[in-house]
N, C-alpha and C. Protein backbone atom coordinates (compact mmCIF):
# COMPACT_ATOMS: atom_id res chain seq x y z
N UNK A 1 292.02 -38.63 116.92
CA UNK A 1 291.22 -40.36 117.41
C UNK A 1 291.38 -41.12 115.87
N UNK A 2 291.73 -42.51 115.77
CA UNK A 2 291.47 -42.96 114.48
C UNK A 2 290.10 -43.74 114.04
N UNK A 3 289.94 -44.19 112.95
CA UNK A 3 289.16 -44.71 112.79
C UNK A 3 288.77 -45.95 113.59
N UNK A 4 289.54 -46.61 113.91
CA UNK A 4 289.21 -47.60 114.70
C UNK A 4 288.83 -47.49 116.17
N UNK A 5 289.45 -46.55 116.72
CA UNK A 5 289.12 -45.87 117.90
C UNK A 5 287.57 -45.51 118.00
N UNK A 6 287.45 -44.92 116.70
CA UNK A 6 286.20 -44.05 116.76
C UNK A 6 284.98 -45.65 116.57
N UNK A 7 285.51 -46.60 115.99
CA UNK A 7 284.66 -47.70 115.59
C UNK A 7 284.27 -47.99 116.76
N UNK A 8 285.28 -48.67 117.72
CA UNK A 8 285.18 -49.12 119.18
C UNK A 8 284.43 -48.31 120.18
N UNK A 9 284.37 -46.96 120.22
CA UNK A 9 283.57 -45.91 120.86
C UNK A 9 282.16 -46.45 120.38
N UNK A 10 281.89 -46.00 118.82
CA UNK A 10 280.91 -45.92 118.32
C UNK A 10 279.55 -47.65 118.99
N UNK A 11 280.69 -48.26 118.98
CA UNK A 11 280.22 -50.05 119.06
C UNK A 11 279.23 -49.78 120.36
N UNK A 12 280.46 -48.98 121.73
CA UNK A 12 280.37 -49.17 122.60
C UNK A 12 278.96 -47.99 122.93
N UNK A 13 278.88 -46.92 122.37
CA UNK A 13 277.57 -46.31 122.31
C UNK A 13 276.29 -46.33 121.85
N UNK A 14 276.19 -47.32 121.10
CA UNK A 14 275.18 -48.34 120.28
C UNK A 14 274.83 -49.03 121.47
N UNK A 15 275.45 -50.10 121.86
CA UNK A 15 275.18 -50.55 122.78
C UNK A 15 274.85 -50.13 124.43
N UNK A 16 275.23 -49.04 124.49
CA UNK A 16 274.83 -48.25 125.70
C UNK A 16 273.57 -47.42 125.43
N UNK A 17 273.43 -47.56 124.36
CA UNK A 17 272.05 -46.22 124.05
C UNK A 17 270.67 -47.48 123.97
N UNK A 18 271.21 -48.82 123.60
CA UNK A 18 270.18 -49.77 123.26
C UNK A 18 269.40 -49.98 124.62
N UNK A 19 270.50 -50.29 125.77
CA UNK A 19 270.14 -50.48 126.71
C UNK A 19 269.19 -49.72 127.48
N UNK A 20 269.54 -48.08 127.52
CA UNK A 20 269.23 -47.47 128.10
C UNK A 20 267.63 -47.29 127.44
N UNK A 21 267.34 -47.35 126.39
CA UNK A 21 266.15 -47.22 125.26
C UNK A 21 265.00 -48.69 126.12
N UNK A 22 265.99 -50.01 126.47
CA UNK A 22 264.78 -50.53 126.52
C UNK A 22 264.26 -50.21 128.29
N UNK A 23 265.04 -49.42 128.58
CA UNK A 23 265.12 -49.37 130.05
C UNK A 23 263.74 -48.31 130.17
N UNK A 24 264.02 -46.86 128.99
CA UNK A 24 263.41 -45.86 129.03
C UNK A 24 261.68 -46.82 128.38
N UNK A 25 262.26 -47.24 127.57
CA UNK A 25 260.73 -47.39 126.35
C UNK A 25 259.52 -48.43 126.80
N UNK A 26 260.58 -49.59 127.34
CA UNK A 26 259.65 -50.93 127.19
C UNK A 26 259.45 -51.34 128.88
N UNK A 27 260.68 -50.65 129.97
CA UNK A 27 260.66 -51.09 131.37
C UNK A 27 260.15 -49.90 131.95
N UNK A 28 259.56 -48.69 131.44
CA UNK A 28 259.33 -47.52 132.39
C UNK A 28 260.26 -47.33 133.37
N UNK A 29 261.45 -47.12 133.40
CA UNK A 29 262.57 -48.14 133.97
C UNK A 29 263.72 -46.82 133.94
N UNK A 30 263.88 -45.54 133.98
CA UNK A 30 265.60 -45.21 132.93
C UNK A 30 266.21 -45.22 134.32
N UNK A 31 267.62 -45.25 133.91
CA UNK A 31 268.67 -45.58 135.22
C UNK A 31 269.19 -44.11 134.73
N UNK A 32 269.16 -42.94 133.66
CA UNK A 32 269.96 -42.03 133.54
C UNK A 32 268.62 -40.69 133.57
N UNK A 33 269.15 -39.49 133.47
CA UNK A 33 268.86 -38.36 133.10
C UNK A 33 268.49 -38.29 131.65
N UNK A 34 267.59 -37.14 131.47
CA UNK A 34 267.52 -36.91 129.43
C UNK A 34 268.57 -36.37 129.04
N UNK A 35 268.95 -35.68 129.93
CA UNK A 35 270.34 -34.98 129.16
C UNK A 35 271.78 -35.63 129.30
N UNK A 36 271.48 -36.96 130.47
CA UNK A 36 273.00 -37.60 129.99
C UNK A 36 272.50 -38.55 128.87
N UNK A 37 271.37 -38.80 128.67
CA UNK A 37 271.05 -39.95 127.25
C UNK A 37 271.51 -38.70 126.04
N UNK A 38 270.67 -37.93 126.06
CA UNK A 38 271.09 -37.04 124.63
C UNK A 38 272.73 -36.61 124.69
N UNK A 39 273.26 -36.26 125.36
CA UNK A 39 274.67 -36.80 125.31
C UNK A 39 275.14 -38.18 125.07
N UNK A 40 275.29 -39.27 125.27
CA UNK A 40 275.38 -40.22 124.38
C UNK A 40 274.91 -40.46 123.02
N UNK A 41 273.96 -40.03 122.86
CA UNK A 41 273.42 -39.85 121.38
C UNK A 41 274.12 -38.67 120.21
N UNK A 42 274.46 -37.93 121.30
CA UNK A 42 274.86 -36.58 120.50
C UNK A 42 276.53 -36.92 120.03
N UNK A 43 277.15 -37.26 121.07
CA UNK A 43 278.45 -38.24 120.80
C UNK A 43 278.58 -38.99 119.63
N UNK A 44 277.49 -40.20 119.37
CA UNK A 44 277.61 -41.24 118.56
C UNK A 44 277.40 -40.53 116.93
N UNK A 45 276.04 -39.39 117.20
CA UNK A 45 276.36 -38.26 115.60
C UNK A 45 277.42 -37.71 115.60
N UNK A 46 277.55 -36.99 116.68
CA UNK A 46 279.53 -36.32 116.11
C UNK A 46 280.22 -37.88 115.34
N UNK A 47 280.37 -38.57 116.32
CA UNK A 47 281.40 -39.79 115.71
C UNK A 47 280.84 -40.02 114.09
N UNK A 48 279.70 -40.64 114.02
CA UNK A 48 279.24 -40.41 112.82
C UNK A 48 279.27 -39.72 111.62
N UNK A 49 279.20 -38.64 111.83
CA UNK A 49 279.93 -37.48 111.24
C UNK A 49 280.67 -37.25 110.87
N UNK A 50 282.03 -37.45 111.87
CA UNK A 50 283.31 -37.32 111.49
C UNK A 50 283.55 -38.71 110.58
N UNK A 51 283.15 -40.17 110.69
CA UNK A 51 283.60 -41.07 110.02
C UNK A 51 282.18 -41.80 109.45
N UNK A 52 281.94 -40.97 108.39
CA UNK A 52 280.93 -41.79 107.68
C UNK A 52 280.64 -43.64 107.42
N UNK A 53 281.69 -44.05 106.91
CA UNK A 53 281.99 -45.22 107.16
C UNK A 53 281.76 -45.96 108.80
N UNK A 54 280.92 -45.37 109.85
CA UNK A 54 280.69 -46.11 111.24
C UNK A 54 279.21 -46.02 111.00
N UNK A 55 278.59 -45.77 109.86
CA UNK A 55 277.10 -44.91 110.26
C UNK A 55 276.55 -46.61 109.50
N UNK A 56 275.80 -47.51 110.48
CA UNK A 56 275.15 -48.63 110.22
C UNK A 56 273.72 -48.24 110.42
N UNK A 57 272.88 -49.18 109.90
CA UNK A 57 271.48 -48.85 109.32
C UNK A 57 270.51 -49.45 110.97
N UNK A 58 271.50 -49.98 111.45
CA UNK A 58 270.44 -50.40 112.76
C UNK A 58 271.07 -49.37 114.11
N UNK A 59 272.00 -48.23 113.40
CA UNK A 59 272.00 -47.35 114.34
C UNK A 59 271.22 -46.44 115.09
N UNK A 60 271.10 -46.10 116.35
CA UNK A 60 269.91 -45.40 117.13
C UNK A 60 270.03 -44.12 117.00
N UNK A 61 270.73 -43.44 115.53
CA UNK A 61 270.53 -42.29 115.22
C UNK A 61 269.30 -42.18 114.07
N UNK A 62 269.27 -43.54 113.11
CA UNK A 62 268.55 -43.73 112.34
C UNK A 62 267.29 -43.99 112.51
N UNK A 63 267.16 -44.20 113.92
CA UNK A 63 265.49 -43.92 114.28
C UNK A 63 265.23 -43.02 115.14
N UNK A 64 263.58 -43.29 115.43
CA UNK A 64 263.35 -42.45 116.48
C UNK A 64 262.72 -43.16 117.72
N UNK A 65 263.27 -43.09 118.98
CA UNK A 65 262.65 -43.61 119.92
C UNK A 65 262.17 -45.18 119.65
N UNK A 66 261.72 -46.08 120.63
CA UNK A 66 261.61 -47.17 120.96
C UNK A 66 260.11 -47.78 121.19
N UNK A 67 259.56 -49.00 120.85
CA UNK A 67 258.14 -49.37 120.68
C UNK A 67 257.76 -48.79 122.16
N UNK A 68 256.49 -47.92 122.51
CA UNK A 68 255.54 -47.85 124.00
C UNK A 68 255.23 -48.57 124.38
N UNK A 69 255.39 -48.68 125.82
CA UNK A 69 254.66 -49.93 126.62
C UNK A 69 252.97 -50.05 125.79
N UNK A 70 252.63 -51.09 126.31
CA UNK A 70 250.98 -51.86 125.55
C UNK A 70 250.43 -50.72 126.38
N UNK A 71 250.47 -50.18 128.17
CA UNK A 71 249.42 -49.32 128.92
C UNK A 71 249.43 -48.03 128.52
N UNK A 72 250.59 -47.45 127.36
CA UNK A 72 250.83 -46.00 127.23
C UNK A 72 248.99 -45.70 126.22
N UNK A 73 248.61 -44.23 126.73
CA UNK A 73 247.47 -44.05 125.88
C UNK A 73 248.21 -43.08 124.52
N UNK A 74 247.65 -43.34 124.07
CA UNK A 74 247.99 -42.55 122.63
C UNK A 74 246.84 -41.20 122.81
N UNK A 75 247.37 -40.15 122.19
CA UNK A 75 246.43 -38.86 122.26
C UNK A 75 247.18 -37.94 121.08
N UNK A 76 246.19 -37.44 120.88
CA UNK A 76 246.54 -36.17 119.54
C UNK A 76 246.92 -34.97 120.19
N UNK A 77 247.80 -34.48 119.05
CA UNK A 77 247.94 -33.34 119.94
C UNK A 77 247.33 -32.37 119.16
N UNK A 78 246.64 -31.33 119.72
CA UNK A 78 246.25 -29.96 119.40
C UNK A 78 247.34 -29.04 118.11
N UNK A 79 248.01 -28.88 118.64
CA UNK A 79 249.02 -28.45 117.84
C UNK A 79 250.34 -29.48 117.00
N UNK A 80 250.73 -29.38 115.99
CA UNK A 80 251.77 -30.18 115.86
C UNK A 80 253.14 -29.97 116.00
N UNK A 81 253.78 -31.01 116.62
CA UNK A 81 254.84 -30.89 117.04
C UNK A 81 256.09 -30.51 115.44
N UNK A 82 256.75 -29.90 115.46
CA UNK A 82 257.13 -28.86 115.21
C UNK A 82 259.19 -30.08 114.84
N UNK A 83 259.30 -29.95 116.06
CA UNK A 83 260.94 -30.62 116.29
C UNK A 83 260.72 -31.49 116.92
N UNK A 84 261.65 -32.39 116.82
CA UNK A 84 262.22 -33.63 117.88
C UNK A 84 263.78 -33.33 118.28
N UNK A 85 264.35 -32.02 117.46
CA UNK A 85 265.71 -32.18 118.03
C UNK A 85 266.09 -31.59 119.27
N UNK A 86 266.92 -31.81 119.86
CA UNK A 86 267.32 -31.35 121.13
C UNK A 86 268.48 -29.73 120.78
N UNK A 87 268.25 -29.33 121.84
CA UNK A 87 269.32 -27.71 121.59
C UNK A 87 269.93 -27.55 123.20
N UNK A 88 270.88 -27.42 123.05
CA UNK A 88 271.93 -27.51 124.00
C UNK A 88 272.71 -26.27 124.55
N UNK A 89 272.32 -25.47 123.38
CA UNK A 89 273.44 -24.30 123.61
C UNK A 89 272.00 -22.89 122.93
N UNK A 90 272.73 -21.56 123.57
CA UNK A 90 271.56 -20.58 123.28
C UNK A 90 271.59 -20.09 121.98
N UNK A 91 272.70 -20.73 120.66
CA UNK A 91 272.57 -20.78 119.57
C UNK A 91 271.57 -21.19 119.00
N UNK A 92 271.61 -23.04 119.35
CA UNK A 92 270.70 -24.10 119.23
C UNK A 92 269.29 -23.32 119.43
N UNK A 93 269.34 -23.00 120.61
CA UNK A 93 268.05 -22.56 120.89
C UNK A 93 267.51 -21.39 120.32
N UNK A 94 268.18 -20.73 119.68
CA UNK A 94 267.55 -19.54 118.78
C UNK A 94 267.05 -19.76 117.41
N UNK A 95 268.24 -20.62 117.10
CA UNK A 95 268.00 -21.56 115.43
C UNK A 95 267.11 -22.25 115.23
N UNK A 96 266.41 -22.92 116.75
CA UNK A 96 264.82 -23.55 116.81
C UNK A 96 263.83 -22.28 116.53
N UNK A 97 264.36 -21.25 117.32
CA UNK A 97 263.15 -20.18 117.40
C UNK A 97 262.91 -19.59 116.27
N UNK A 98 263.60 -19.19 115.13
CA UNK A 98 263.99 -18.71 113.99
C UNK A 98 263.24 -19.99 113.28
N UNK A 99 263.28 -20.83 113.05
CA UNK A 99 262.40 -22.16 112.38
C UNK A 99 261.42 -22.45 112.88
N UNK A 100 261.30 -22.20 114.28
CA UNK A 100 259.46 -22.21 114.82
C UNK A 100 258.89 -21.11 113.99
N UNK A 101 259.67 -19.76 114.08
CA UNK A 101 258.81 -19.03 113.27
C UNK A 101 258.41 -18.48 111.79
N UNK A 102 259.23 -19.04 111.23
CA UNK A 102 259.18 -19.47 110.01
C UNK A 102 257.96 -20.47 109.30
N UNK A 103 257.74 -21.18 110.44
CA UNK A 103 256.98 -22.78 110.03
C UNK A 103 255.24 -22.35 110.11
């Protein structure tokens, strides 16, 4: 894949992820499962790692989530959340467990 193909794919992924962010966070009406969304995000992360010149300040890889709906109730966690990363393989799950054990 050359940089131009990667740029076009990254732009398409950013638009698609932004659309799904609105559906999920604003409209509370997701159209895809979480694992499908995670796959889109992971592909964008991979492209940005392979082609660092494609990273933009407004990339969804540079922020966490979206704005929650006004109706959502804020809660405090009794135990701190230690990771917001996804794990897709046994290796990634074991790495998370190792980090968690050391925290």
